[in-house]
Amino acid sequence: MSDTSSTLDGEPDTPASVPLLVPADGVPAVLTTADEIAAAAQRLATGTGPLAVDAERASGFRYSSRAYLIQLRRAGVGTILVDPIPTANDLEPLAEAINELEWVLHSADQDLPGLAELGLRPARLFDTELAGRLAGFERVGLAAIVERTLGLELRKGHGAADWSTRPLPPEWLNYAALDVEVLLELRDKMAEELAAQGKTDWAAQEFEHVRTQGPPTPKPDRWRRTSQIHTLKKARQLATVRSLWQARDEYAASRDVAPGRVLPDAAIISAAIADPTSIEDLRRLPIFGGPRQRKSSRLWLDAVRAARALPESQLPPTSQPFTGPPPINRWARRNPEAAARLTAARAAMSKVSESVAVPVENLLLPDLLRRLCWDGIAPSTDDLETAVDDFLAAGGARGWQRELAVPVLAAALAEAAAAPTETPTETEPGPIEA
């Protein structure tokens, strides 16, 4: 194993790191025209090996998850910075040059959806963040892994900036170029680490899953994630939150502005509690009286009135409906057998996690484990391992995950079924007023 091999006791001792402050070849000019993109595509086609890729978004500032800067680096070519805003319709030559390559990204699932919107999709993938997780590294941020494996200090500072800003400040571009400066070297080090631990095939399966899974499916009832919504006691108040949230979301999407910058969650909650009946009432509330919100007073008041006019039958449920298992703290009373299965299954998976130095959540999705234990598989099943394997496969578990999980989960389920269960007293939350 290399000097950077993982341990179960924490990070290994490393010598003092060397600050990486500027790209070795300087910061390249940002490409903003079709001709520049075509020339860059020709250069990239002459390079060798995989392609380092990164993208900067404007999360917290913009509604969309689009890329506002794309960083590319390939051996024999160097670093290329692309502004995809003026060139969004001119990227076909770039796609032809790079889509057939292996891409190296850190936390690829964050950037792939936005790049796919531009027609940029890798044929193969290596995710250095995911590689770190599989290798058992306790810290898997890019700076932490670069320091551990390459002995370089990659200073962060502009990742949360508004990358839709134009022109982009020189110090931001320096930061962006550094994000791909050593990504190819990091990929090789992580590949060596995975090979030393016998996890190359595991990583290949995970990388392919990330590459092909597509963007996440939007969760239903996203308005229920409004901060402090749990403080509301009436269904009518929840209806107001939903109405204001939907109005805010439509407004934010139409202007590509982050919803929280249009109207903070705190304002939505205060309006749901106060239930203003006029613009004057609304503007007396915190935030709504400010100059930015006064221009939209009619929009927000109409949303409040729409909620107030709803018949009782159309009010949202006072508790969030579940399509899967209920919250775990309710299992013991509702289904003590399932609670016993989950306890046994979690203990079994924790032991596997320790033995292979992979976080338990990377061994199996927690939601999939909960569903297995809640739905249950009859212990009298002729082939319990096959039944568990089929269940996990249907839930998207990869082959290497099932190879590790199926035997121990089948044994845990059988053990839980054989043990007596108790039904402890549990206090259910009371109904919320309409």
Protein backbone atom coordinates (compact mmCIF):
# COMPACT_ATOMS: atom_id res chain seq x y z
CA MET A 1 0.00 0.00 0.00
CA SER A 2 1.21 3.53 -0.69
CA ASP A 3 2.24 6.02 1.99
CA THR A 4 -1.23 7.56 1.67
CA SER A 5 -3.12 4.35 2.42
CA SER A 6 -6.13 4.76 4.68
CA THR A 7 -6.35 3.64 8.27
CA LEU A 8 -9.30 3.06 10.55
CA ASP A 9 -7.70 5.26 13.22
CA GLY A 10 -7.79 8.46 11.18
CA GLU A 11 -5.65 10.32 8.67
CA PRO A 12 -1.99 9.30 8.34
CA ASP A 13 0.83 11.63 9.29
CA THR A 14 1.97 13.73 6.34
CA PRO A 15 4.80 16.23 5.90
CA ALA A 16 4.04 19.93 5.63
CA SER A 17 2.17 20.66 2.41
CA VAL A 18 3.33 23.04 -0.31
CA PRO A 19 0.88 25.88 -1.11
CA LEU A 20 -0.52 25.75 -4.64
CA LEU A 21 -1.22 29.42 -5.30
CA VAL A 22 -1.15 29.89 -9.07
CA PRO A 23 -1.39 27.56 -12.08
CA ALA A 24 2.00 26.51 -13.41
CA ASP A 25 1.23 27.95 -16.85
CA GLY A 26 -0.72 30.94 -15.60
CA VAL A 27 -4.44 31.58 -15.87
CA PRO A 28 -5.65 31.16 -19.47
CA ALA A 29 -8.04 33.62 -21.07
CA VAL A 30 -11.70 32.67 -20.90
CA LEU A 31 -13.11 31.50 -24.24
CA THR A 32 -16.23 33.43 -25.24
CA THR A 33 -16.67 32.96 -29.01
CA ALA A 34 -17.54 30.14 -31.39
CA ASP A 35 -14.17 30.37 -33.13
CA GLU A 36 -12.32 30.10 -29.83
CA ILE A 37 -14.37 27.04 -28.87
CA ALA A 38 -13.65 25.34 -32.20
CA ALA A 39 -9.92 26.00 -31.85
CA ALA A 40 -9.92 24.67 -28.27
CA ALA A 41 -11.73 21.53 -29.40
CA GLN A 42 -9.00 20.86 -31.97
CA ARG A 43 -6.34 21.30 -29.31
CA LEU A 44 -8.10 18.96 -26.89
CA ALA A 45 -8.36 16.30 -29.57
CA THR A 46 -4.54 16.26 -29.83
CA GLY A 47 -4.06 15.69 -26.10
CA THR A 48 -3.56 12.35 -24.38
CA GLY A 49 -5.23 10.52 -21.52
CA PRO A 50 -8.32 11.49 -19.50
CA LEU A 51 -9.80 14.96 -19.21
CA ALA A 52 -10.01 16.90 -15.95
CA VAL A 53 -13.35 18.71 -15.74
CA ASP A 54 -14.92 21.15 -13.32
CA ALA A 55 -17.79 23.60 -13.51
CA GLU A 56 -18.73 26.62 -11.45
CA ARG A 57 -22.37 27.30 -10.71
CA ALA A 58 -24.15 30.11 -8.88
CA SER A 59 -25.97 28.15 -6.20
CA GLY A 60 -27.60 30.48 -3.71
CA PHE A 61 -27.75 33.24 -6.30
CA ARG A 62 -29.52 31.71 -9.29
CA TYR A 63 -32.55 29.44 -9.60
CA SER A 64 -31.00 27.16 -12.21
CA SER A 65 -28.08 24.80 -11.70
CA ARG A 66 -26.49 25.75 -15.02
CA ALA A 67 -22.74 26.02 -15.40
CA TYR A 68 -21.36 29.56 -15.56
CA LEU A 69 -17.75 28.52 -16.14
CA ILE A 70 -16.26 25.26 -17.40
CA GLN A 71 -12.67 24.26 -16.64
CA LEU A 72 -10.92 21.60 -18.74
CA ARG A 73 -7.39 20.21 -18.59
CA ARG A 74 -5.70 17.44 -20.57
CA ALA A 75 -2.13 16.24 -20.86
CA GLY A 76 -0.38 17.95 -23.78
CA VAL A 77 -2.96 20.73 -23.88
CA GLY A 78 -3.03 22.48 -20.53
CA THR A 79 -6.00 24.23 -18.98
CA ILE A 80 -8.92 25.72 -20.92
CA LEU A 81 -11.59 27.97 -19.43
CA VAL A 82 -14.94 28.23 -21.23
CA ASP A 83 -17.73 30.74 -20.63
CA PRO A 84 -20.84 28.69 -21.55
CA ILE A 85 -23.21 31.66 -21.37
CA PRO A 86 -22.29 33.36 -24.70
CA THR A 87 -21.20 30.05 -26.26
CA ALA A 88 -24.05 27.75 -25.21
CA ASN A 89 -25.08 27.20 -28.85
CA ASP A 90 -21.51 26.77 -30.09
CA LEU A 91 -20.33 23.82 -28.02
CA GLU A 92 -20.89 21.02 -30.53
CA PRO A 93 -17.21 20.90 -31.62
CA LEU A 94 -16.22 20.72 -27.96
CA ALA A 95 -18.68 17.90 -27.33
CA GLU A 96 -17.29 15.94 -30.27
CA ALA A 97 -13.78 16.31 -28.90
CA ILE A 98 -14.38 15.43 -25.25
CA ASN A 99 -17.53 13.30 -24.96
CA GLU A 100 -15.64 10.17 -25.97
CA LEU A 101 -13.05 10.63 -23.22
CA GLU A 102 -12.82 9.59 -19.59
CA TRP A 103 -13.64 12.60 -17.46
CA VAL A 104 -12.11 13.19 -14.05
CA LEU A 105 -14.29 15.23 -11.68
CA HIS A 106 -14.55 15.78 -7.95
CA SER A 107 -18.14 15.22 -6.74
CA ALA A 108 -19.26 14.54 -10.28
CA ASP A 109 -22.96 14.34 -9.44
CA GLN A 110 -22.89 18.08 -8.69
CA ASP A 111 -21.65 19.13 -12.13
CA LEU A 112 -22.80 16.47 -14.59
CA PRO A 113 -26.46 17.61 -14.83
CA GLY A 114 -25.52 21.19 -15.75
CA LEU A 115 -22.93 20.00 -18.26
CA ALA A 116 -25.42 17.56 -19.79
CA GLU A 117 -27.76 20.49 -20.45
CA LEU A 118 -25.00 21.84 -22.72
CA GLY A 119 -24.60 18.52 -24.57
CA LEU A 120 -21.43 17.58 -22.68
CA ARG A 121 -21.52 13.98 -21.40
CA PRO A 122 -18.57 11.68 -20.60
CA ALA A 123 -18.11 8.23 -22.06
CA ARG A 124 -16.33 7.17 -18.85
CA LEU A 125 -15.95 8.74 -15.44
CA PHE A 126 -13.53 8.88 -12.51
CA ASP A 127 -14.82 10.70 -9.44
CA THR A 128 -12.01 11.58 -7.03
CA GLU A 129 -14.40 12.45 -4.18
CA LEU A 130 -16.18 9.11 -4.46
CA ALA A 131 -12.82 7.37 -4.77
CA GLY A 132 -11.84 8.93 -1.46
CA ARG A 133 -14.97 7.62 0.21
CA LEU A 134 -14.40 4.10 -1.09
CA ALA A 135 -10.76 4.28 0.03
CA GLY A 136 -11.89 5.08 3.56
CA PHE A 137 -10.59 8.64 3.71
CA GLU A 138 -12.19 10.56 6.54
CA ARG A 139 -11.95 13.90 4.70
CA VAL A 140 -12.93 13.84 1.04
CA GLY A 141 -13.08 17.50 0.04
CA LEU A 142 -10.84 18.32 -2.92
CA ALA A 143 -8.39 20.34 -0.85
CA ALA A 144 -8.14 17.60 1.79
CA ILE A 145 -7.51 14.81 -0.71
CA VAL A 146 -5.00 16.86 -2.70
CA GLU A 147 -3.08 17.63 0.49
CA ARG A 148 -3.11 14.03 1.63
CA THR A 149 -2.15 12.39 -1.64
CA LEU A 150 -0.05 15.03 -3.41
CA GLY A 151 1.28 17.08 -0.50
CA LEU A 152 -0.11 20.29 -1.95
CA GLU A 153 -2.20 22.91 -0.21
CA LEU A 154 -5.09 23.88 -2.47
CA ARG A 155 -6.62 26.94 -0.88
CA LYS A 156 -10.32 27.44 -1.32
CA GLY A 157 -12.25 30.65 -1.15
CA HIS A 158 -14.55 31.36 -4.10
CA GLY A 159 -16.60 28.18 -4.47
CA ALA A 160 -19.71 29.83 -3.04
CA ALA A 161 -19.33 33.00 -5.13
CA ASP A 162 -21.88 34.24 -7.65
CA TRP A 163 -20.32 32.81 -10.81
CA SER A 164 -22.97 34.46 -12.97
CA THR A 165 -21.04 37.70 -12.34
CA ARG A 166 -19.52 39.25 -15.45
CA PRO A 167 -16.71 39.98 -15.88
CA LEU A 168 -15.31 37.29 -13.60
CA PRO A 169 -12.64 38.71 -11.27
CA PRO A 170 -9.06 37.53 -11.95
CA GLU A 171 -8.74 35.96 -8.49
CA TRP A 172 -11.85 33.86 -9.17
CA LEU A 173 -10.40 32.63 -12.46
CA ASN A 174 -7.15 31.75 -10.69
CA TYR A 175 -9.15 29.70 -8.18
CA ALA A 176 -11.11 28.00 -10.98
CA ALA A 177 -7.99 27.06 -12.92
CA LEU A 178 -6.40 25.57 -9.80
CA ASP A 179 -9.40 23.27 -9.36
CA VAL A 180 -8.25 21.24 -12.40
CA GLU A 181 -4.51 21.95 -12.12
CA VAL A 182 -3.67 18.67 -10.35
CA LEU A 183 -6.88 16.71 -10.89
CA LEU A 184 -5.24 14.31 -13.36
CA GLU A 185 -2.37 13.56 -10.98
CA LEU A 186 -4.91 13.08 -8.20
CA ARG A 187 -6.85 10.62 -10.36
CA ASP A 188 -3.73 8.47 -10.81
CA LYS A 189 -2.93 8.51 -7.09
CA MET A 190 -6.48 7.54 -6.18
CA ALA A 191 -6.49 4.78 -8.78
CA GLU A 192 -3.34 3.39 -7.16
CA GLU A 193 -4.95 3.61 -3.72
CA LEU A 194 -8.08 1.79 -4.84
CA ALA A 195 -6.02 -0.91 -6.55
CA ALA A 196 -3.92 -1.41 -3.39
CA GLN A 197 -7.12 -1.92 -1.40
CA GLY A 198 -8.69 -4.23 -3.97
CA LYS A 199 -11.50 -1.78 -4.69
CA THR A 200 -10.91 -0.93 -8.34
CA ASP A 201 -13.97 -2.83 -9.52
CA TRP A 202 -16.14 -1.36 -6.75
CA ALA A 203 -15.13 2.12 -7.85
CA ALA A 204 -15.77 1.35 -11.52
CA GLN A 205 -19.32 0.27 -10.70
CA GLU A 206 -19.93 3.39 -8.62
CA PHE A 207 -18.49 5.71 -11.26
CA GLU A 208 -20.69 4.19 -13.93
CA HIS A 209 -23.73 4.54 -11.70
CA VAL A 210 -23.02 8.24 -11.19
CA ARG A 211 -22.38 8.73 -14.90
CA THR A 212 -25.65 7.18 -15.99
CA GLN A 213 -28.10 8.00 -13.21
CA GLY A 214 -29.17 11.39 -14.55
CA PRO A 215 -30.40 14.34 -12.49
CA PRO A 216 -32.20 13.60 -9.22
CA THR A 217 -35.98 13.37 -9.28
CA PRO A 218 -37.57 16.41 -7.61
CA LYS A 219 -39.04 15.49 -4.25
CA PRO A 220 -42.80 15.93 -3.82
CA ASP A 221 -44.15 18.66 -1.56
CA ARG A 222 -40.87 20.57 -1.59
CA TRP A 223 -42.66 23.45 0.14
CA ARG A 224 -42.66 21.37 3.32
CA ARG A 225 -38.91 21.96 3.55
CA THR A 226 -39.52 25.62 4.36
CA SER A 227 -37.40 26.49 7.37
CA GLN A 228 -39.32 26.56 10.69
CA ILE A 229 -42.47 25.08 9.17
CA HIS A 230 -42.61 22.69 12.13
CA THR A 231 -43.58 25.63 14.35
CA LEU A 232 -46.96 26.01 12.63
CA LYS A 233 -49.97 24.42 14.33
CA LYS A 234 -52.81 24.80 11.84
CA ALA A 235 -53.50 23.26 8.47
CA ARG A 236 -54.64 26.64 7.15
CA GLN A 237 -51.22 28.04 7.99
CA LEU A 238 -49.61 25.21 6.04
CA ALA A 239 -51.82 26.11 3.09
CA THR A 240 -50.49 29.68 3.27
CA VAL A 241 -46.91 28.42 3.32
CA ARG A 242 -47.61 26.25 0.29
CA SER A 243 -49.27 29.09 -1.62
CA LEU A 244 -46.49 31.59 -0.87
CA TRP A 245 -43.80 29.01 -1.62
CA GLN A 246 -45.34 28.22 -5.01
CA ALA A 247 -45.70 31.92 -5.87
CA ARG A 248 -42.09 32.52 -4.88
CA ASP A 249 -40.87 29.52 -6.85
CA GLU A 250 -42.60 30.62 -10.06
CA TYR A 251 -41.29 34.16 -9.64
CA ALA A 252 -37.75 32.94 -8.96
CA ALA A 253 -37.75 30.54 -11.91
CA SER A 254 -38.96 33.21 -14.31
CA ARG A 255 -36.07 35.48 -13.34
CA ASP A 256 -33.44 32.81 -12.61
CA VAL A 257 -32.95 34.06 -9.06
CA ALA A 258 -32.49 31.82 -6.03
CA PRO A 259 -35.84 31.61 -4.19
CA GLY A 260 -34.30 32.64 -0.87
CA ARG A 261 -33.18 35.89 -2.45
CA VAL A 262 -36.70 36.59 -3.69
CA LEU A 263 -38.38 36.03 -0.33
CA PRO A 264 -36.76 34.46 2.76
CA ASP A 265 -38.39 31.47 4.42
CA ALA A 266 -38.76 33.53 7.60
CA ALA A 267 -41.08 35.93 5.76
CA ILE A 268 -43.26 33.07 4.53
CA ILE A 269 -43.64 31.71 8.06
CA SER A 270 -44.45 35.13 9.52
CA ALA A 271 -47.15 35.69 6.89
CA ALA A 272 -48.65 32.26 7.56
CA ILE A 273 -48.93 33.10 11.25
CA ALA A 274 -50.18 36.69 10.87
CA ASP A 275 -52.59 35.98 7.97
CA PRO A 276 -52.61 39.57 6.67
CA THR A 277 -55.83 40.74 4.98
CA SER A 278 -54.50 43.87 3.27
CA ILE A 279 -51.32 45.19 1.74
CA GLU A 280 -50.94 47.49 4.71
CA ASP A 281 -51.13 44.51 7.09
CA LEU A 282 -48.63 42.61 4.97
CA ARG A 283 -46.12 45.48 4.91
CA ARG A 284 -46.18 45.73 8.69
CA LEU A 285 -44.60 42.30 8.88
CA PRO A 286 -40.81 41.92 9.02
CA ILE A 287 -39.15 41.88 5.58
CA PHE A 288 -42.39 42.61 3.66
CA GLY A 289 -42.07 46.29 4.49
CA GLY A 290 -38.64 46.60 2.85
CA PRO A 291 -38.21 48.35 -0.51
CA ARG A 292 -37.48 45.11 -2.40
CA GLN A 293 -40.64 43.39 -1.16
CA ARG A 294 -43.00 46.35 -1.42
CA LYS A 295 -42.92 46.08 -5.22
CA SER A 296 -44.22 42.50 -4.97
CA SER A 297 -46.80 43.09 -2.23
CA ARG A 298 -49.74 42.28 -4.49
CA LEU A 299 -48.19 38.95 -5.52
CA TRP A 300 -47.65 37.86 -1.92
CA LEU A 301 -51.04 39.07 -0.69
CA ASP A 302 -52.81 37.24 -3.52
CA ALA A 303 -51.02 34.05 -2.48
CA VAL A 304 -52.18 34.50 1.13
CA ARG A 305 -55.75 35.16 0.01
CA ALA A 306 -55.73 32.09 -2.25
CA ALA A 307 -54.83 29.92 0.74
CA ARG A 308 -57.47 31.56 2.91
CA ALA A 309 -60.15 30.83 0.27
CA LEU A 310 -59.44 27.11 0.06
CA PRO A 311 -62.20 24.79 1.30
CA GLU A 312 -61.30 22.48 4.19
CA SER A 313 -61.10 19.53 1.80
CA GLN A 314 -58.23 21.14 -0.09
CA LEU A 315 -56.03 21.97 2.89
CA PRO A 316 -52.74 20.07 2.99
CA PRO A 317 -52.37 17.21 5.47
CA THR A 318 -50.99 18.36 8.79
CA SER A 319 -48.24 15.76 8.60
CA GLN A 320 -46.17 14.98 5.55
CA PRO A 321 -47.49 11.94 3.67
CA PHE A 322 -45.00 9.13 3.26
CA THR A 323 -44.69 6.90 0.22
CA GLY A 324 -42.31 4.57 2.05
CA PRO A 325 -41.69 3.59 5.64
CA PRO A 326 -42.78 6.02 8.39
CA PRO A 327 -40.21 7.87 10.51
CA ILE A 328 -38.02 5.40 12.38
CA ASN A 329 -39.11 6.67 15.80
CA ARG A 330 -42.59 5.29 15.08
CA TRP A 331 -41.52 1.82 14.04
CA ALA A 332 -41.39 0.26 17.51
CA ARG A 333 -45.10 0.81 18.11
CA ARG A 334 -46.44 0.39 14.61
CA ASN A 335 -44.33 -2.57 13.57
CA PRO A 336 -42.05 -3.94 16.32
CA GLU A 337 -40.90 -6.79 14.05
CA ALA A 338 -39.67 -4.27 11.48
CA ALA A 339 -37.94 -2.27 14.22
CA ALA A 340 -36.12 -5.40 15.34
CA ARG A 341 -35.10 -6.16 11.76
CA LEU A 342 -33.72 -2.66 11.30
CA THR A 343 -31.72 -2.81 14.52
CA ALA A 344 -30.16 -6.10 13.50
CA ALA A 345 -29.54 -4.98 9.92
CA ARG A 346 -27.88 -1.75 10.95
CA ALA A 347 -25.57 -3.55 13.33
CA ALA A 348 -24.62 -6.03 10.60
CA MET A 349 -23.90 -3.29 8.05
CA SER A 350 -21.83 -1.35 10.57
CA LYS A 351 -19.57 -4.37 10.99
CA VAL A 352 -19.16 -4.66 7.22
CA SER A 353 -18.38 -0.94 7.02
CA GLU A 354 -15.63 -1.30 9.59
CA SER A 355 -14.15 -4.37 7.95
CA VAL A 356 -13.84 -2.84 4.47
CA ALA A 357 -13.26 0.80 5.53
CA VAL A 358 -16.16 2.16 3.47
CA PRO A 359 -18.83 4.45 4.98
CA VAL A 360 -22.01 2.53 5.65
CA GLU A 361 -24.05 4.93 3.50
CA ASN A 362 -21.82 4.06 0.53
CA LEU A 363 -22.33 0.35 1.15
CA LEU A 364 -26.10 0.67 0.83
CA LEU A 365 -28.51 3.57 0.62
CA PRO A 366 -30.07 4.07 4.07
CA ASP A 367 -33.54 4.41 2.51
CA LEU A 368 -33.15 1.08 0.69
CA LEU A 369 -32.14 -0.61 3.95
CA ARG A 370 -35.17 0.89 5.72
CA ARG A 371 -37.50 -0.32 2.99
CA LEU A 372 -36.05 -3.81 3.16
CA CYS A 373 -36.64 -3.96 6.90
CA TRP A 374 -40.08 -2.35 6.82
CA ASP A 375 -41.48 -4.39 3.94
CA GLY A 376 -39.79 -7.48 5.25
CA ILE A 377 -39.05 -10.81 3.64
CA ALA A 378 -40.58 -13.86 5.21
CA PRO A 379 -37.83 -15.79 7.04
CA SER A 380 -39.47 -18.97 5.85
CA THR A 381 -38.55 -18.07 2.27
CA ASP A 382 -36.77 -21.03 0.69
CA ASP A 383 -33.78 -18.93 -0.34
CA LEU A 384 -33.59 -15.85 1.87
CA GLU A 385 -30.33 -14.62 0.36
CA THR A 386 -31.79 -14.70 -3.15
CA ALA A 387 -34.87 -12.81 -1.96
CA VAL A 388 -32.73 -10.13 -0.31
CA ASP A 389 -30.51 -9.90 -3.38
CA ASP A 390 -33.53 -9.44 -5.66
CA PHE A 391 -34.92 -6.74 -3.37
CA LEU A 392 -31.66 -4.79 -3.30
CA ALA A 393 -31.11 -5.16 -7.03
CA ALA A 394 -34.58 -3.79 -7.71
CA GLY A 395 -33.69 -0.84 -5.50
CA GLY A 396 -30.60 -0.02 -7.57
CA ALA A 397 -27.86 -1.56 -5.41
CA ARG A 398 -24.75 -2.33 -7.42
CA GLY A 399 -23.24 -5.79 -7.67
CA TRP A 400 -20.34 -5.12 -5.28
CA GLN A 401 -22.74 -3.72 -2.69
CA ARG A 402 -24.98 -6.77 -2.88
CA GLU A 403 -22.01 -9.11 -2.66
CA LEU A 404 -21.08 -7.57 0.69
CA ALA A 405 -24.55 -6.87 2.05
CA VAL A 406 -26.73 -9.82 1.08
CA PRO A 407 -25.17 -12.55 3.26
CA VAL A 408 -25.05 -10.42 6.41
CA LEU A 409 -28.51 -8.94 5.88
CA ALA A 410 -30.08 -12.33 5.27
CA ALA A 411 -28.53 -13.59 8.48
CA ALA A 412 -29.63 -10.48 10.39
CA LEU A 413 -33.23 -10.77 9.17
CA ALA A 414 -33.36 -14.44 10.12
CA GLU A 415 -31.90 -13.68 13.55
CA ALA A 416 -34.39 -10.88 14.17
CA ALA A 417 -37.28 -13.12 13.17
CA ALA A 418 -36.19 -15.77 15.65
CA ALA A 419 -35.87 -13.35 18.58
CA PRO A 420 -38.89 -12.30 20.70
CA THR A 421 -40.04 -8.71 20.23
CA GLU A 422 -41.52 -6.25 22.68
CA THR A 423 -43.94 -3.42 22.01
CA PRO A 424 -42.80 -0.36 23.96
CA THR A 425 -45.16 2.47 24.74
CA GLU A 426 -44.96 5.29 22.24
CA THR A 427 -46.70 8.64 22.24
CA GLU A 428 -48.08 9.58 18.87
CA PRO A 429 -48.18 13.30 18.03
CA GLY A 430 -51.65 14.76 18.36
CA PRO A 431 -53.64 16.13 15.44
CA ILE A 432 -53.04 19.69 14.28
CA GLU A 433 -55.96 22.07 14.14
CA ALA A 434 -57.42 22.88 10.77
